[in-house]
Amino acid sequence: MNNLQVEIIKFFLKKGDVNDDDFHAFCEENGIDPHEAETEVYKMIGSFINAGNYKDLDFSTIDMNEFKMGIKFEMEEHTENILFASKIALDHLQEDSKYYTKLSEAKL
């Protein structure tokens, strides 16, 4: 991870919900070329999206109800970010296609 990526992550963590004007103001305040910064954001998002076990998952085999249960569970238990919750759920479903059904049955 390079210094620009670290600064961008710090900005997003501090600011939370960011719009384009916020991001460009951050770049201007820090003497960063906004186009270079946006390129780094796209690289970071691509790396994030491509990380995880689910990359090898055949999405046609995913039970959408199971996936929805997974997103709901992960958002209640681990994160408020739907993208993170989706990635976690897909990783679990890669391991076991009925992961969340079994989890809910085990809680009963």
PDB file of N, CA and C in Angstrom:
ATOM      1  N   MET A   1       0.862  -1.165   0.000  1.00  0.00           N
ATOM      2  CA  MET A   1       0.000   0.000   0.000  1.00  0.00           C
ATOM      3  C   MET A   1       0.907   1.226   0.000  1.00  0.00           C
ATOM      4  N   ASN A   2       0.619   2.171  -0.866  1.00  0.00           N
ATOM      5  CA  ASN A   2       1.456   3.366  -0.933  1.00  0.00           C
ATOM      6  C   ASN A   2       0.901   4.486  -0.038  1.00  0.00           C
ATOM      7  N   ASN A   3       1.688   5.555   0.113  1.00  0.00           N
ATOM      8  CA  ASN A   3       1.301   6.665   1.005  1.00  0.00           C
ATOM      9  C   ASN A   3      -0.017   7.315   0.598  1.00  0.00           C
ATOM     10  N   LEU A   4      -0.240   7.462  -0.702  1.00  0.00           N
ATOM     11  CA  LEU A   4      -1.488   8.071  -1.168  1.00  0.00           C
ATOM     12  C   LEU A   4      -2.677   7.205  -0.756  1.00  0.00           C
ATOM     13  N   GLN A   5      -2.555   5.899  -0.899  1.00  0.00           N
ATOM     14  CA  GLN A   5      -3.641   5.005  -0.503  1.00  0.00           C
ATOM     15  C   GLN A   5      -3.912   5.096   0.993  1.00  0.00           C
ATOM     16  N   VAL A   6      -2.848   5.195   1.780  1.00  0.00           N
ATOM     17  CA  VAL A   6      -3.013   5.330   3.231  1.00  0.00           C
ATOM     18  C   VAL A   6      -3.769   6.612   3.560  1.00  0.00           C
ATOM     19  N   GLU A   7      -3.408   7.718   2.921  1.00  0.00           N
ATOM     20  CA  GLU A   7      -4.091   8.990   3.166  1.00  0.00           C
ATOM     21  C   GLU A   7      -5.555   8.932   2.738  1.00  0.00           C
ATOM     22  N   ILE A   8      -5.814   8.273   1.629  1.00  0.00           N
ATOM     23  CA  ILE A   8      -7.201   8.137   1.155  1.00  0.00           C
ATOM     24  C   ILE A   8      -8.018   7.318   2.156  1.00  0.00           C
ATOM     25  N   ILE A   9      -7.456   6.220   2.646  1.00  0.00           N
ATOM     26  CA  ILE A   9      -8.164   5.394   3.630  1.00  0.00           C
ATOM     27  C   ILE A   9      -8.435   6.183   4.896  1.00  0.00           C
ATOM     28  N   LYS A  10      -7.442   6.928   5.375  1.00  0.00           N
ATOM     29  CA  LYS A  10      -7.640   7.760   6.570  1.00  0.00           C
ATOM     30  C   LYS A  10      -8.776   8.756   6.341  1.00  0.00           C
ATOM     31  N   PHE A  11      -8.796   9.360   5.155  1.00  0.00           N
ATOM     32  CA  PHE A  11      -9.847  10.332   4.824  1.00  0.00           C
ATOM     33  C   PHE A  11     -11.222   9.685   4.882  1.00  0.00           C
ATOM     34  N   PHE A  12     -11.372   8.515   4.237  1.00  0.00           N
ATOM     35  CA  PHE A  12     -12.671   7.842   4.233  1.00  0.00           C
ATOM     36  C   PHE A  12     -13.079   7.398   5.633  1.00  0.00           C
ATOM     37  N   LEU A  13     -12.125   6.928   6.409  1.00  0.00           N
ATOM     38  CA  LEU A  13     -12.442   6.507   7.778  1.00  0.00           C
ATOM     39  C   LEU A  13     -12.887   7.690   8.631  1.00  0.00           C
ATOM     40  N   LYS A  14     -12.237   8.813   8.451  1.00  0.00           N
ATOM     41  CA  LYS A  14     -12.566  10.010   9.234  1.00  0.00           C
ATOM     42  C   LYS A  14     -13.884  10.621   8.776  1.00  0.00           C
ATOM     43  N   LYS A  15     -14.069  10.693   7.472  1.00  0.00           N
ATOM     44  CA  LYS A  15     -15.213  11.412   6.901  1.00  0.00           C
ATOM     45  C   LYS A  15     -16.483  10.564   6.840  1.00  0.00           C
ATOM     46  N   GLY A  16     -16.338   9.277   6.600  1.00  0.00           N
ATOM     47  CA  GLY A  16     -17.519   8.420   6.490  1.00  0.00           C
ATOM     48  C   GLY A  16     -18.162   8.523   5.129  1.00  0.00           C
ATOM     49  N   ASP A  17     -19.342   9.100   5.080  1.00  0.00           N
ATOM     50  CA  ASP A  17     -20.097   9.238   3.841  1.00  0.00           C
ATOM     51  C   ASP A  17     -19.493  10.372   3.014  1.00  0.00           C
ATOM     52  N   VAL A  18     -18.886  10.041   1.889  1.00  0.00           N
ATOM     53  CA  VAL A  18     -18.127  11.007   1.084  1.00  0.00           C
ATOM     54  C   VAL A  18     -18.796  11.208  -0.261  1.00  0.00           C
ATOM     55  N   ASN A  19     -18.865  12.459  -0.687  1.00  0.00           N
ATOM     56  CA  ASN A  19     -19.316  12.739  -2.054  1.00  0.00           C
ATOM     57  C   ASN A  19     -18.138  13.288  -2.862  1.00  0.00           C
ATOM     58  N   ASP A  20     -18.347  13.523  -4.140  1.00  0.00           N
ATOM     59  CA  ASP A  20     -17.272  13.954  -5.034  1.00  0.00           C
ATOM     60  C   ASP A  20     -16.670  15.289  -4.600  1.00  0.00           C
ATOM     61  N   ASP A  21     -17.511  16.218  -4.159  1.00  0.00           N
ATOM     62  CA  ASP A  21     -17.001  17.522  -3.718  1.00  0.00           C
ATOM     63  C   ASP A  21     -16.095  17.370  -2.497  1.00  0.00           C
ATOM     64  N   ASP A  22     -16.493  16.514  -1.552  1.00  0.00           N
ATOM     65  CA  ASP A  22     -15.665  16.247  -0.369  1.00  0.00           C
ATOM     66  C   ASP A  22     -14.305  15.694  -0.778  1.00  0.00           C
ATOM     67  N   PHE A  23     -14.331  14.746  -1.705  1.00  0.00           N
ATOM     68  CA  PHE A  23     -13.093  14.102  -2.116  1.00  0.00           C
ATOM     69  C   PHE A  23     -12.165  15.094  -2.814  1.00  0.00           C
ATOM     70  N   HIS A  24     -12.730  15.929  -3.681  1.00  0.00           N
ATOM     71  CA  HIS A  24     -11.914  16.923  -4.379  1.00  0.00           C
ATOM     72  C   HIS A  24     -11.380  17.976  -3.408  1.00  0.00           C
ATOM     73  N   ALA A  25     -12.149  18.341  -2.415  1.00  0.00           N
ATOM     74  CA  ALA A  25     -11.673  19.285  -1.394  1.00  0.00           C
ATOM     75  C   ALA A  25     -10.517  18.670  -0.614  1.00  0.00           C
ATOM     76  N   PHE A  26     -10.642  17.398  -0.252  1.00  0.00           N
ATOM     77  CA  PHE A  26      -9.555  16.679   0.429  1.00  0.00           C
ATOM     78  C   PHE A  26      -8.287  16.717  -0.420  1.00  0.00           C
ATOM     79  N   CYS A  27      -8.432  16.442  -1.709  1.00  0.00           N
ATOM     80  CA  CYS A  27      -7.272  16.445  -2.605  1.00  0.00           C
ATOM     81  C   CYS A  27      -6.640  17.833  -2.666  1.00  0.00           C
ATOM     82  N   GLU A  28      -7.471  18.861  -2.829  1.00  0.00           N
ATOM     83  CA  GLU A  28      -6.964  20.229  -2.911  1.00  0.00           C
ATOM     84  C   GLU A  28      -6.239  20.634  -1.622  1.00  0.00           C
ATOM     85  N   GLU A  29      -6.838  20.314  -0.477  1.00  0.00           N
ATOM     86  CA  GLU A  29      -6.238  20.660   0.818  1.00  0.00           C
ATOM     87  C   GLU A  29      -4.892  19.988   1.037  1.00  0.00           C
ATOM     88  N   ASN A  30      -4.703  18.833   0.403  1.00  0.00           N
ATOM     89  CA  ASN A  30      -3.486  18.054   0.617  1.00  0.00           C
ATOM     90  C   ASN A  30      -2.529  18.070  -0.571  1.00  0.00           C
ATOM     91  N   GLY A  31      -2.822  18.915  -1.555  1.00  0.00           N
ATOM     92  CA  GLY A  31      -1.943  19.032  -2.719  1.00  0.00           C
ATOM     93  C   GLY A  31      -1.855  17.763  -3.548  1.00  0.00           C
ATOM     94  N   ILE A  32      -2.971  17.064  -3.615  1.00  0.00           N
ATOM     95  CA  ILE A  32      -3.024  15.797  -4.354  1.00  0.00           C
ATOM     96  C   ILE A  32      -3.802  16.012  -5.648  1.00  0.00           C
ATOM     97  N   ASP A  33      -3.267  15.477  -6.748  1.00  0.00           N
ATOM     98  CA  ASP A  33      -3.979  15.527  -8.027  1.00  0.00           C
ATOM     99  C   ASP A  33      -5.225  14.650  -7.891  1.00  0.00           C
ATOM    100  N   PRO A  34      -6.424  15.224  -8.039  1.00  0.00           N
ATOM    101  CA  PRO A  34      -7.647  14.436  -7.832  1.00  0.00           C
ATOM    102  C   PRO A  34      -7.781  13.255  -8.792  1.00  0.00           C
ATOM    103  N   HIS A  35      -7.266  13.394 -10.008  1.00  0.00           N
ATOM    104  CA  HIS A  35      -7.360  12.285 -10.963  1.00  0.00           C
ATOM    105  C   HIS A  35      -6.459  11.129 -10.537  1.00  0.00           C
ATOM    106  N   GLU A  36      -5.271  11.454 -10.015  1.00  0.00           N
ATOM    107  CA  GLU A  36      -4.379  10.421  -9.497  1.00  0.00           C
ATOM    108  C   GLU A  36      -5.017   9.736  -8.283  1.00  0.00           C
ATOM    109  N   ALA A  37      -5.631  10.529  -7.417  1.00  0.00           N
ATOM    110  CA  ALA A  37      -6.278   9.977  -6.221  1.00  0.00           C
ATOM    111  C   ALA A  37      -7.453   9.076  -6.612  1.00  0.00           C
ATOM    112  N   GLU A  38      -8.248   9.500  -7.577  1.00  0.00           N
ATOM    113  CA  GLU A  38      -9.378   8.684  -8.026  1.00  0.00           C
ATOM    114  C   GLU A  38      -8.896   7.368  -8.633  1.00  0.00           C
ATOM    115  N   THR A  39      -7.784   7.427  -9.376  1.00  0.00           N
ATOM    116  CA  THR A  39      -7.205   6.206  -9.938  1.00  0.00           C
ATOM    117  C   THR A  39      -6.825   5.243  -8.816  1.00  0.00           C
ATOM    118  N   GLU A  40      -6.257   5.778  -7.745  1.00  0.00           N
ATOM    119  CA  GLU A  40      -5.887   4.934  -6.599  1.00  0.00           C
ATOM    120  C   GLU A  40      -7.124   4.332  -5.939  1.00  0.00           C
ATOM    121  N   VAL A  41      -8.192   5.123  -5.829  1.00  0.00           N
ATOM    122  CA  VAL A  41      -9.434   4.614  -5.254  1.00  0.00           C
ATOM    123  C   VAL A  41      -9.964   3.450  -6.091  1.00  0.00           C
ATOM    124  N   TYR A  42      -9.946   3.603  -7.414  1.00  0.00           N
ATOM    125  CA  TYR A  42     -10.425   2.529  -8.289  1.00  0.00           C
ATOM    126  C   TYR A  42      -9.577   1.265  -8.124  1.00  0.00           C
ATOM    127  N   LYS A  43      -8.259   1.428  -8.010  1.00  0.00           N
ATOM    128  CA  LYS A  43      -7.375   0.280  -7.794  1.00  0.00           C
ATOM    129  C   LYS A  43      -7.707  -0.410  -6.470  1.00  0.00           C
ATOM    130  N   MET A  44      -7.913   0.394  -5.434  1.00  0.00           N
ATOM    131  CA  MET A  44      -8.210  -0.158  -4.111  1.00  0.00           C
ATOM    132  C   MET A  44      -9.539  -0.899  -4.119  1.00  0.00           C
ATOM    133  N   ILE A  45     -10.535  -0.324  -4.777  1.00  0.00           N
ATOM    134  CA  ILE A  45     -11.845  -0.981  -4.855  1.00  0.00           C
ATOM    135  C   ILE A  45     -11.729  -2.291  -5.626  1.00  0.00           C
ATOM    136  N   GLY A  46     -10.995  -2.268  -6.728  1.00  0.00           N
ATOM    137  CA  GLY A  46     -10.794  -3.489  -7.510  1.00  0.00           C
ATOM    138  C   GLY A  46     -10.121  -4.575  -6.694  1.00  0.00           C
ATOM    139  N   SER A  47      -9.103  -4.207  -5.925  1.00  0.00           N
ATOM    140  CA  SER A  47      -8.411  -5.177  -5.078  1.00  0.00           C
ATOM    141  C   SER A  47      -9.340  -5.733  -4.017  1.00  0.00           C
ATOM    142  N   PHE A  48     -10.142  -4.848  -3.439  1.00  0.00           N
ATOM    143  CA  PHE A  48     -11.075  -5.277  -2.396  1.00  0.00           C
ATOM    144  C   PHE A  48     -12.116  -6.235  -2.961  1.00  0.00           C
ATOM    145  N   ILE A  49     -12.673  -5.886  -4.091  1.00  0.00           N
ATOM    146  CA  ILE A  49     -13.729  -6.711  -4.687  1.00  0.00           C
ATOM    147  C   ILE A  49     -13.191  -8.076  -5.087  1.00  0.00           C
ATOM    148  N   ASN A  50     -11.948  -8.115  -5.535  1.00  0.00           N
ATOM    149  CA  ASN A  50     -11.378  -9.381  -5.993  1.00  0.00           C
ATOM    150  C   ASN A  50     -10.768 -10.216  -4.875  1.00  0.00           C
ATOM    151  N   ALA A  51     -10.807  -9.732  -3.656  1.00  0.00           N
ATOM    152  CA  ALA A  51     -10.265 -10.497  -2.532  1.00  0.00           C
ATOM    153  C   ALA A  51     -11.341 -11.424  -1.982  1.00  0.00           C
ATOM    154  N   GLY A  52     -10.942 -12.564  -1.514  1.00  0.00           N
ATOM    155  CA  GLY A  52     -11.887 -13.479  -0.875  1.00  0.00           C
ATOM    156  C   GLY A  52     -11.964 -14.812  -1.579  1.00  0.00           C
ATOM    157  N   ASN A  53     -12.488 -15.788  -0.882  1.00  0.00           N
ATOM    158  CA  ASN A  53     -12.617 -17.143  -1.411  1.00  0.00           C
ATOM    159  C   ASN A  53     -13.711 -17.273  -2.456  1.00  0.00           C
ATOM    160  N   TYR A  54     -14.667 -16.385  -2.416  1.00  0.00           N
ATOM    161  CA  TYR A  54     -15.834 -16.526  -3.278  1.00  0.00           C
ATOM    162  C   TYR A  54     -15.527 -16.315  -4.753  1.00  0.00           C
ATOM    163  N   LYS A  55     -14.315 -15.878  -5.098  1.00  0.00           N
ATOM    164  CA  LYS A  55     -13.977 -15.630  -6.504  1.00  0.00           C
ATOM    165  C   LYS A  55     -14.205 -16.869  -7.368  1.00  0.00           C
ATOM    166  N   ASP A  56     -14.042 -18.051  -6.777  1.00  0.00           N
ATOM    167  CA  ASP A  56     -14.212 -19.293  -7.524  1.00  0.00           C
ATOM    168  C   ASP A  56     -15.639 -19.828  -7.454  1.00  0.00           C
ATOM    169  N   LEU A  57     -16.518 -19.095  -6.828  1.00  0.00           N
ATOM    170  CA  LEU A  57     -17.887 -19.535  -6.630  1.00  0.00           C
ATOM    171  C   LEU A  57     -18.688 -19.453  -7.929  1.00  0.00           C
ATOM    172  N   ASP A  58     -19.465 -20.475  -8.202  1.00  0.00           N
ATOM    173  CA  ASP A  58     -20.377 -20.459  -9.337  1.00  0.00           C
ATOM    174  C   ASP A  58     -21.654 -19.756  -8.867  1.00  0.00           C
ATOM    175  N   PHE A  59     -21.807 -18.500  -9.267  1.00  0.00           N
ATOM    176  CA  PHE A  59     -22.909 -17.683  -8.762  1.00  0.00           C
ATOM    177  C   PHE A  59     -24.281 -18.224  -9.156  1.00  0.00           C
ATOM    178  N   SER A  60     -24.340 -19.041 -10.187  1.00  0.00           N
ATOM    179  CA  SER A  60     -25.640 -19.610 -10.574  1.00  0.00           C
ATOM    180  C   SER A  60     -26.121 -20.629  -9.550  1.00  0.00           C
ATOM    181  N   THR A  61     -25.239 -21.077  -8.681  1.00  0.00           N
ATOM    182  CA  THR A  61     -25.626 -22.067  -7.672  1.00  0.00           C
ATOM    183  C   THR A  61     -26.038 -21.429  -6.343  1.00  0.00           C
ATOM    184  N   ILE A  62     -25.915 -20.119  -6.242  1.00  0.00           N
ATOM    185  CA  ILE A  62     -26.216 -19.432  -4.982  1.00  0.00           C
ATOM    186  C   ILE A  62     -27.727 -19.351  -4.769  1.00  0.00           C
ATOM    187  N   ASP A  63     -28.160 -19.799  -3.637  1.00  0.00           N
ATOM    188  CA  ASP A  63     -29.553 -19.647  -3.218  1.00  0.00           C
ATOM    189  C   ASP A  63     -29.703 -18.202  -2.725  1.00  0.00           C
ATOM    190  N   MET A  64     -30.492 -17.413  -3.414  1.00  0.00           N
ATOM    191  CA  MET A  64     -30.602 -15.989  -3.080  1.00  0.00           C
ATOM    192  C   MET A  64     -31.179 -15.772  -1.688  1.00  0.00           C
ATOM    193  N   ASN A  65     -32.051 -16.642  -1.235  1.00  0.00           N
ATOM    194  CA  ASN A  65     -32.564 -16.510   0.132  1.00  0.00           C
ATOM    195  C   ASN A  65     -31.443 -16.724   1.148  1.00  0.00           C
ATOM    196  N   GLU A  66     -30.576 -17.692   0.858  1.00  0.00           N
ATOM    197  CA  GLU A  66     -29.436 -17.961   1.731  1.00  0.00           C
ATOM    198  C   GLU A  66     -28.486 -16.753   1.736  1.00  0.00           C
ATOM    199  N   PHE A  67     -28.267 -16.176   0.568  1.00  0.00           N
ATOM    200  CA  PHE A  67     -27.397 -15.003   0.440  1.00  0.00           C
ATOM    201  C   PHE A  67     -27.978 -13.817   1.218  1.00  0.00           C
ATOM    202  N   LYS A  68     -29.274 -13.594   1.088  1.00  0.00           N
ATOM    203  CA  LYS A  68     -29.932 -12.506   1.827  1.00  0.00           C
ATOM    204  C   LYS A  68     -29.841 -12.729   3.338  1.00  0.00           C
ATOM    205  N   MET A  69     -30.046 -13.991   3.757  1.00  0.00           N
ATOM    206  CA  MET A  69     -29.893 -14.303   5.179  1.00  0.00           C
ATOM    207  C   MET A  69     -28.472 -13.980   5.634  1.00  0.00           C
ATOM    208  N   GLY A  70     -27.504 -14.316   4.783  1.00  0.00           N
ATOM    209  CA  GLY A  70     -26.110 -14.072   5.111  1.00  0.00           C
ATOM    210  C   GLY A  70     -25.798 -12.590   5.261  1.00  0.00           C
ATOM    211  N   ILE A  71     -26.284 -11.791   4.324  1.00  0.00           N
ATOM    212  CA  ILE A  71     -26.052 -10.340   4.397  1.00  0.00           C
ATOM    213  C   ILE A  71     -26.677  -9.788   5.677  1.00  0.00           C
ATOM    214  N   LYS A  72     -27.907 -10.198   5.952  1.00  0.00           N
ATOM    215  CA  LYS A  72     -28.593  -9.716   7.156  1.00  0.00           C
ATOM    216  C   LYS A  72     -27.823 -10.106   8.412  1.00  0.00           C
ATOM    217  N   PHE A  73     -27.400 -11.355   8.490  1.00  0.00           N
ATOM    218  CA  PHE A  73     -26.659 -11.830   9.655  1.00  0.00           C
ATOM    219  C   PHE A  73     -25.353 -11.055   9.818  1.00  0.00           C
ATOM    220  N   GLU A  74     -24.594 -10.935   8.748  1.00  0.00           N
ATOM    221  CA  GLU A  74     -23.289 -10.266   8.833  1.00  0.00           C
ATOM    222  C   GLU A  74     -23.433  -8.793   9.200  1.00  0.00           C
ATOM    223  N   MET A  75     -24.501  -8.147   8.728  1.00  0.00           N
ATOM    224  CA  MET A  75     -24.718  -6.740   9.074  1.00  0.00           C
ATOM    225  C   MET A  75     -25.148  -6.588  10.531  1.00  0.00           C
ATOM    226  N   GLU A  76     -25.856  -7.567  11.046  1.00  0.00           N
ATOM    227  CA  GLU A  76     -26.266  -7.515  12.457  1.00  0.00           C
ATOM    228  C   GLU A  76     -25.103  -7.834  13.387  1.00  0.00           C
ATOM    229  N   GLU A  77     -24.221  -8.722  12.964  1.00  0.00           N
ATOM    230  CA  GLU A  77     -23.176  -9.230  13.849  1.00  0.00           C
ATOM    231  C   GLU A  77     -21.802  -8.592  13.654  1.00  0.00           C
ATOM    232  N   HIS A  78     -21.477  -8.152  12.418  1.00  0.00           N
ATOM    233  CA  HIS A  78     -20.077  -7.800  12.152  1.00  0.00           C
ATOM    234  C   HIS A  78     -19.825  -6.445  11.508  1.00  0.00           C
ATOM    235  N   THR A  79     -20.723  -5.943  10.705  1.00  0.00           N
ATOM    236  CA  THR A  79     -20.428  -4.716   9.970  1.00  0.00           C
ATOM    237  C   THR A  79     -21.710  -3.997   9.584  1.00  0.00           C
ATOM    238  N   GLU A  80     -21.623  -2.698   9.395  1.00  0.00           N
ATOM    239  CA  GLU A  80     -22.759  -1.921   8.887  1.00  0.00           C
ATOM    240  C   GLU A  80     -22.639  -1.710   7.383  1.00  0.00           C
ATOM    241  N   ASN A  81     -21.537  -2.185   6.810  1.00  0.00           N
ATOM    242  CA  ASN A  81     -21.257  -1.984   5.394  1.00  0.00           C
ATOM    243  C   ASN A  81     -21.796  -3.168   4.592  1.00  0.00           C
ATOM    244  N   ILE A  82     -22.733  -2.899   3.702  1.00  0.00           N
ATOM    245  CA  ILE A  82     -23.368  -3.988   2.946  1.00  0.00           C
ATOM    246  C   ILE A  82     -22.385  -4.691   2.019  1.00  0.00           C
ATOM    247  N   LEU A  83     -21.395  -3.977   1.500  1.00  0.00           N
ATOM    248  CA  LEU A  83     -20.412  -4.616   0.636  1.00  0.00           C
ATOM    249  C   LEU A  83     -19.562  -5.612   1.426  1.00  0.00           C
ATOM    250  N   PHE A  84     -19.101  -5.199   2.616  1.00  0.00           N
ATOM    251  CA  PHE A  84     -18.351  -6.113   3.474  1.00  0.00           C
ATOM    252  C   PHE A  84     -19.215  -7.317   3.847  1.00  0.00           C
ATOM    253  N   ALA A  85     -20.452  -7.052   4.228  1.00  0.00           N
ATOM    254  CA  ALA A  85     -21.355  -8.130   4.621  1.00  0.00           C
ATOM    255  C   ALA A  85     -21.563  -9.109   3.466  1.00  0.00           C
ATOM    256  N   SER A  86     -21.706  -8.587   2.263  1.00  0.00           N
ATOM    257  CA  SER A  86     -21.895  -9.437   1.086  1.00  0.00           C
ATOM    258  C   SER A  86     -20.680 -10.313   0.842  1.00  0.00           C
ATOM    259  N   LYS A  87     -19.495  -9.726   0.957  1.00  0.00           N
ATOM    260  CA  LYS A  87     -18.264 -10.490   0.745  1.00  0.00           C
ATOM    261  C   LYS A  87     -18.113 -11.594   1.791  1.00  0.00           C
ATOM    262  N   ILE A  88     -18.394 -11.266   3.043  1.00  0.00           N
ATOM    263  CA  ILE A  88     -18.295 -12.270   4.107  1.00  0.00           C
ATOM    264  C   ILE A  88     -19.295 -13.399   3.845  1.00  0.00           C
ATOM    265  N   ALA A  89     -20.529 -13.016   3.494  1.00  0.00           N
ATOM    266  CA  ALA A  89     -21.561 -14.026   3.224  1.00  0.00           C
ATOM    267  C   ALA A  89     -21.148 -14.923   2.058  1.00  0.00           C
ATOM    268  N   LEU A  90     -20.618 -14.343   1.003  1.00  0.00           N
ATOM    269  CA  LEU A  90     -20.199 -15.154  -0.143  1.00  0.00           C
ATOM    270  C   LEU A  90     -19.059 -16.102   0.226  1.00  0.00           C
ATOM    271  N   ASP A  91     -18.141 -15.634   1.048  1.00  0.00           N
ATOM    272  CA  ASP A  91     -17.060 -16.525   1.494  1.00  0.00           C
ATOM    273  C   ASP A  91     -17.632 -17.715   2.261  1.00  0.00           C
ATOM    274  N   HIS A  92     -18.598 -17.454   3.145  1.00  0.00           N
ATOM    275  CA  HIS A  92     -19.207 -18.552   3.898  1.00  0.00           C
ATOM    276  C   HIS A  92     -19.989 -19.490   2.985  1.00  0.00           C
ATOM    277  N   LEU A  93     -20.677 -18.924   2.015  1.00  0.00           N
ATOM    278  CA  LEU A  93     -21.450 -19.760   1.096  1.00  0.00           C
ATOM    279  C   LEU A  93     -20.548 -20.565   0.171  1.00  0.00           C
ATOM    280  N   GLN A  94     -19.348 -20.090  -0.055  1.00  0.00           N
ATOM    281  CA  GLN A  94     -18.363 -20.872  -0.818  1.00  0.00           C
ATOM    282  C   GLN A  94     -18.003 -22.129  -0.029  1.00  0.00           C
ATOM    283  N   GLU A  95     -17.897 -21.980   1.279  1.00  0.00           N
ATOM    284  CA  GLU A  95     -17.559 -23.104   2.158  1.00  0.00           C
ATOM    285  C   GLU A  95     -18.725 -24.089   2.281  1.00  0.00           C
ATOM    286  N   ASP A  96     -19.945 -23.538   2.409  1.00  0.00           N
ATOM    287  CA  ASP A  96     -21.130 -24.364   2.651  1.00  0.00           C
ATOM    288  C   ASP A  96     -22.344 -23.623   2.112  1.00  0.00           C
ATOM    289  N   SER A  97     -22.996 -24.188   1.128  1.00  0.00           N
ATOM    290  CA  SER A  97     -24.117 -23.502   0.454  1.00  0.00           C
ATOM    291  C   SER A  97     -25.318 -23.265   1.376  1.00  0.00           C
ATOM    292  N   LYS A  98     -25.354 -23.942   2.519  1.00  0.00           N
ATOM    293  CA  LYS A  98     -26.449 -23.763   3.487  1.00  0.00           C
ATOM    294  C   LYS A  98     -25.917 -23.231   4.821  1.00  0.00           C
ATOM    295  N   TYR A  99     -24.827 -22.495   4.767  1.00  0.00           N
ATOM    296  CA  TYR A  99     -24.150 -22.010   5.964  1.00  0.00           C
ATOM    297  C   TYR A  99     -25.102 -21.272   6.913  1.00  0.00           C
ATOM    298  N   TYR A 100     -25.888 -20.349   6.382  1.00  0.00           N
ATOM    299  CA  TYR A 100     -26.736 -19.515   7.248  1.00  0.00           C
ATOM    300  C   TYR A 100     -27.975 -20.259   7.738  1.00  0.00           C
ATOM    301  N   THR A 101     -28.487 -21.194   6.959  1.00  0.00           N
ATOM    302  CA  THR A 101     -29.582 -22.034   7.435  1.00  0.00           C
ATOM    303  C   THR A 101     -29.099 -22.866   8.619  1.00  0.00           C
ATOM    304  N   LYS A 102     -27.942 -23.467   8.469  1.00  0.00           N
ATOM    305  CA  LYS A 102     -27.379 -24.289   9.546  1.00  0.00           C
ATOM    306  C   LYS A 102     -27.072 -23.429  10.777  1.00  0.00           C
ATOM    307  N   LEU A 103     -26.571 -22.225  10.546  1.00  0.00           N
ATOM    308  CA  LEU A 103     -26.269 -21.323  11.651  1.00  0.00           C
ATOM    309  C   LEU A 103     -27.539 -20.967  12.415  1.00  0.00           C
ATOM    310  N   SER A 104     -28.617 -20.648  11.690  1.00  0.00           N
ATOM    311  CA  SER A 104     -29.864 -20.284  12.376  1.00  0.00           C
ATOM    312  C   SER A 104     -30.466 -21.477  13.099  1.00  0.00           C
ATOM    313  N   GLU A 105     -30.350 -22.681  12.532  1.00  0.00           N
ATOM    314  CA  GLU A 105     -30.848 -23.878  13.205  1.00  0.00           C
ATOM    315  C   GLU A 105     -30.047 -24.180  14.458  1.00  0.00           C
ATOM    316  N   ALA A 106     -28.748 -23.914  14.417  1.00  0.00           N
ATOM    317  CA  ALA A 106     -27.889 -24.162  15.585  1.00  0.00           C
ATOM    318  C   ALA A 106     -28.215 -23.202  16.723  1.00  0.00           C
ATOM    319  N   LYS A 107     -28.725 -22.013  16.397  1.00  0.00           N
ATOM    320  CA  LYS A 107     -29.078 -21.026  17.425  1.00  0.00           C
ATOM    321  C   LYS A 107     -30.393 -21.351  18.109  1.00  0.00           C
ATOM    322  N   LEU A 108     -31.217 -22.170  17.468  1.00  0.00           N
ATOM    323  CA  LEU A 108     -32.524 -22.502  18.043  1.00  0.00           C
ATOM    324  C   LEU A 108     -32.426 -23.449  19.176  1.00  0.00           C
TER     325      LEU A 108
END
